[in-house]
Amino acid sequence: MRQIRIIVERHLNQFVAYAVGVKGARTGVGTTYEEALAGVRLPEKLYPESFAKGLVAMRPPVVEA
Protein backbone atom coordinates (compact mmCIF):
# COMPACT_ATOMS: atom_id res chain seq x y z
CA MET A 1 0.00 0.00 0.00
CA ARG A 2 1.31 3.44 -0.91
CA GLN A 3 1.57 6.02 1.87
CA ILE A 4 0.64 9.61 1.13
CA ARG A 5 1.49 12.55 3.36
CA ILE A 6 -1.37 14.96 3.86
CA ILE A 7 -0.68 18.33 5.47
CA VAL A 8 -3.42 20.11 7.43
CA GLU A 9 -2.80 23.77 8.16
CA ARG A 10 -4.78 25.83 10.62
CA HIS A 11 -5.48 29.40 9.54
CA LEU A 12 -7.48 32.05 11.38
CA ASN A 13 -10.99 30.81 10.57
CA GLN A 14 -10.43 27.59 8.62
CA PHE A 15 -8.32 24.50 8.04
CA VAL A 16 -6.66 23.67 4.71
CA ALA A 17 -5.54 20.13 3.80
CA TYR A 18 -3.50 18.98 0.83
CA ALA A 19 -1.58 15.91 -0.34
CA VAL A 20 2.17 16.37 -0.79
CA GLY A 21 3.64 15.38 -4.15
CA VAL A 22 0.48 13.86 -5.65
CA LYS A 23 -0.36 15.17 -9.12
CA GLY A 24 -4.06 15.73 -9.61
CA ALA A 25 -4.89 15.90 -5.90
CA ARG A 26 -7.35 18.57 -4.77
CA THR A 27 -7.17 20.69 -1.65
CA GLY A 28 -9.72 20.34 1.14
CA VAL A 29 -10.98 23.38 3.08
CA GLY A 30 -13.25 23.42 6.13
CA THR A 31 -14.02 25.03 9.45
CA THR A 32 -12.78 21.89 11.27
CA TYR A 33 -9.81 19.55 10.91
CA GLU A 34 -12.12 16.71 9.88
CA GLU A 35 -13.92 18.77 7.21
CA ALA A 36 -10.65 19.82 5.59
CA LEU A 37 -9.26 16.28 5.66
CA ALA A 38 -12.45 14.82 4.22
CA GLY A 39 -12.30 17.39 1.41
CA VAL A 40 -8.95 16.15 0.06
CA ARG A 41 -9.54 14.39 -3.23
CA LEU A 42 -6.91 12.11 -4.72
CA PRO A 43 -6.82 10.91 -8.33
CA GLU A 44 -9.17 7.96 -8.83
CA LYS A 45 -6.39 5.80 -10.23
CA LEU A 46 -4.62 5.87 -6.86
CA TYR A 47 -7.54 5.16 -4.54
CA PRO A 48 -11.33 4.78 -4.69
CA GLU A 49 -13.53 7.86 -4.19
CA SER A 50 -14.29 6.88 -0.60
CA PHE A 51 -10.60 7.25 0.38
CA ALA A 52 -11.06 10.71 1.95
CA LYS A 53 -13.83 9.41 4.24
CA GLY A 54 -11.49 6.72 5.58
CA LEU A 55 -8.82 9.27 6.40
CA VAL A 56 -10.95 10.88 9.10
CA ALA A 57 -11.15 7.57 10.96
CA MET A 58 -7.37 7.04 10.81
CA ARG A 59 -6.51 10.41 12.42
CA PRO A 60 -2.68 10.23 12.27
CA PRO A 61 -0.50 11.94 14.91
CA VAL A 62 -0.43 15.70 14.51
CA VAL A 63 2.87 17.55 14.50
CA GLU A 64 2.58 21.29 15.09
CA ALA A 65 5.21 23.63 13.77
C-alpha atoms as a PDB file:
ATOM      1  CA  MET A   1       0.000   0.000   0.000  1.00  0.00           C
ATOM      2  CA  ARG A   2       1.309   3.438  -0.915  1.00  0.00           C
ATOM      3  CA  GLN A   3       1.566   6.016   1.866  1.00  0.00           C
ATOM      4  CA  ILE A   4       0.641   9.611   1.126  1.00  0.00           C
ATOM      5  CA  ARG A   5       1.486  12.546   3.356  1.00  0.00           C
ATOM      6  CA  ILE A   6      -1.374  14.964   3.862  1.00  0.00           C
ATOM      7  CA  ILE A   7      -0.679  18.325   5.466  1.00  0.00           C
ATOM      8  CA  VAL A   8      -3.422  20.107   7.428  1.00  0.00           C
ATOM      9  CA  GLU A   9      -2.799  23.771   8.162  1.00  0.00           C
ATOM     10  CA  ARG A  10      -4.780  25.833  10.619  1.00  0.00           C
ATOM     11  CA  HIS A  11      -5.476  29.399   9.536  1.00  0.00           C
ATOM     12  CA  LEU A  12      -7.480  32.053  11.384  1.00  0.00           C
ATOM     13  CA  ASN A  13     -10.995  30.808  10.566  1.00  0.00           C
ATOM     14  CA  GLN A  14     -10.434  27.590   8.622  1.00  0.00           C
ATOM     15  CA  PHE A  15      -8.324  24.499   8.036  1.00  0.00           C
ATOM     16  CA  VAL A  16      -6.665  23.667   4.711  1.00  0.00           C
ATOM     17  CA  ALA A  17      -5.537  20.127   3.803  1.00  0.00           C
ATOM     18  CA  TYR A  18      -3.496  18.981   0.826  1.00  0.00           C
ATOM     19  CA  ALA A  19      -1.578  15.913  -0.339  1.00  0.00           C
ATOM     20  CA  VAL A  20       2.174  16.373  -0.786  1.00  0.00           C
ATOM     21  CA  GLY A  21       3.644  15.379  -4.148  1.00  0.00           C
ATOM     22  CA  VAL A  22       0.482  13.864  -5.655  1.00  0.00           C
ATOM     23  CA  LYS A  23      -0.356  15.172  -9.124  1.00  0.00           C
ATOM     24  CA  GLY A  24      -4.060  15.735  -9.614  1.00  0.00           C
ATOM     25  CA  ALA A  25      -4.890  15.895  -5.898  1.00  0.00           C
ATOM     26  CA  ARG A  26      -7.347  18.568  -4.768  1.00  0.00           C
ATOM     27  CA  THR A  27      -7.174  20.691  -1.654  1.00  0.00           C
ATOM     28  CA  GLY A  28      -9.721  20.344   1.141  1.00  0.00           C
ATOM     29  CA  VAL A  29     -10.978  23.377   3.084  1.00  0.00           C
ATOM     30  CA  GLY A  30     -13.255  23.421   6.131  1.00  0.00           C
ATOM     31  CA  THR A  31     -14.024  25.025   9.450  1.00  0.00           C
ATOM     32  CA  THR A  32     -12.784  21.891  11.268  1.00  0.00           C
ATOM     33  CA  TYR A  33      -9.813  19.547  10.913  1.00  0.00           C
ATOM     34  CA  GLU A  34     -12.118  16.710   9.879  1.00  0.00           C
ATOM     35  CA  GLU A  35     -13.923  18.771   7.206  1.00  0.00           C
ATOM     36  CA  ALA A  36     -10.655  19.822   5.593  1.00  0.00           C
ATOM     37  CA  LEU A  37      -9.260  16.285   5.662  1.00  0.00           C
ATOM     38  CA  ALA A  38     -12.454  14.824   4.221  1.00  0.00           C
ATOM     39  CA  GLY A  39     -12.296  17.388   1.408  1.00  0.00           C
ATOM     40  CA  VAL A  40      -8.948  16.151   0.061  1.00  0.00           C
ATOM     41  CA  ARG A  41      -9.537  14.389  -3.229  1.00  0.00           C
ATOM     42  CA  LEU A  42      -6.908  12.106  -4.720  1.00  0.00           C
ATOM     43  CA  PRO A  43      -6.818  10.912  -8.328  1.00  0.00           C
ATOM     44  CA  GLU A  44      -9.174   7.964  -8.828  1.00  0.00           C
ATOM     45  CA  LYS A  45      -6.391   5.797 -10.233  1.00  0.00           C
ATOM     46  CA  LEU A  46      -4.621   5.868  -6.856  1.00  0.00           C
ATOM     47  CA  TYR A  47      -7.545   5.163  -4.536  1.00  0.00           C
ATOM     48  CA  PRO A  48     -11.328   4.778  -4.689  1.00  0.00           C
ATOM     49  CA  GLU A  49     -13.526   7.864  -4.194  1.00  0.00           C
ATOM     50  CA  SER A  50     -14.288   6.879  -0.596  1.00  0.00           C
ATOM     51  CA  PHE A  51     -10.602   7.253   0.377  1.00  0.00           C
ATOM     52  CA  ALA A  52     -11.062  10.707   1.952  1.00  0.00           C
ATOM     53  CA  LYS A  53     -13.835   9.408   4.237  1.00  0.00           C
ATOM     54  CA  GLY A  54     -11.491   6.721   5.578  1.00  0.00           C
ATOM     55  CA  LEU A  55      -8.821   9.274   6.403  1.00  0.00           C
ATOM     56  CA  VAL A  56     -10.952  10.880   9.101  1.00  0.00           C
ATOM     57  CA  ALA A  57     -11.154   7.568  10.955  1.00  0.00           C
ATOM     58  CA  MET A  58      -7.369   7.044  10.812  1.00  0.00           C
ATOM     59  CA  ARG A  59      -6.509  10.406  12.419  1.00  0.00           C
ATOM     60  CA  PRO A  60      -2.679  10.228  12.274  1.00  0.00           C
ATOM     61  CA  PRO A  61      -0.501  11.940  14.908  1.00  0.00           C
ATOM     62  CA  VAL A  62      -0.430  15.697  14.507  1.00  0.00           C
ATOM     63  CA  VAL A  63       2.868  17.551  14.502  1.00  0.00           C
ATOM     64  CA  GLU A  64       2.582  21.286  15.093  1.00  0.00           C
ATOM     65  CA  ALA A  65       5.214  23.632  13.770  1.00  0.00           C
END
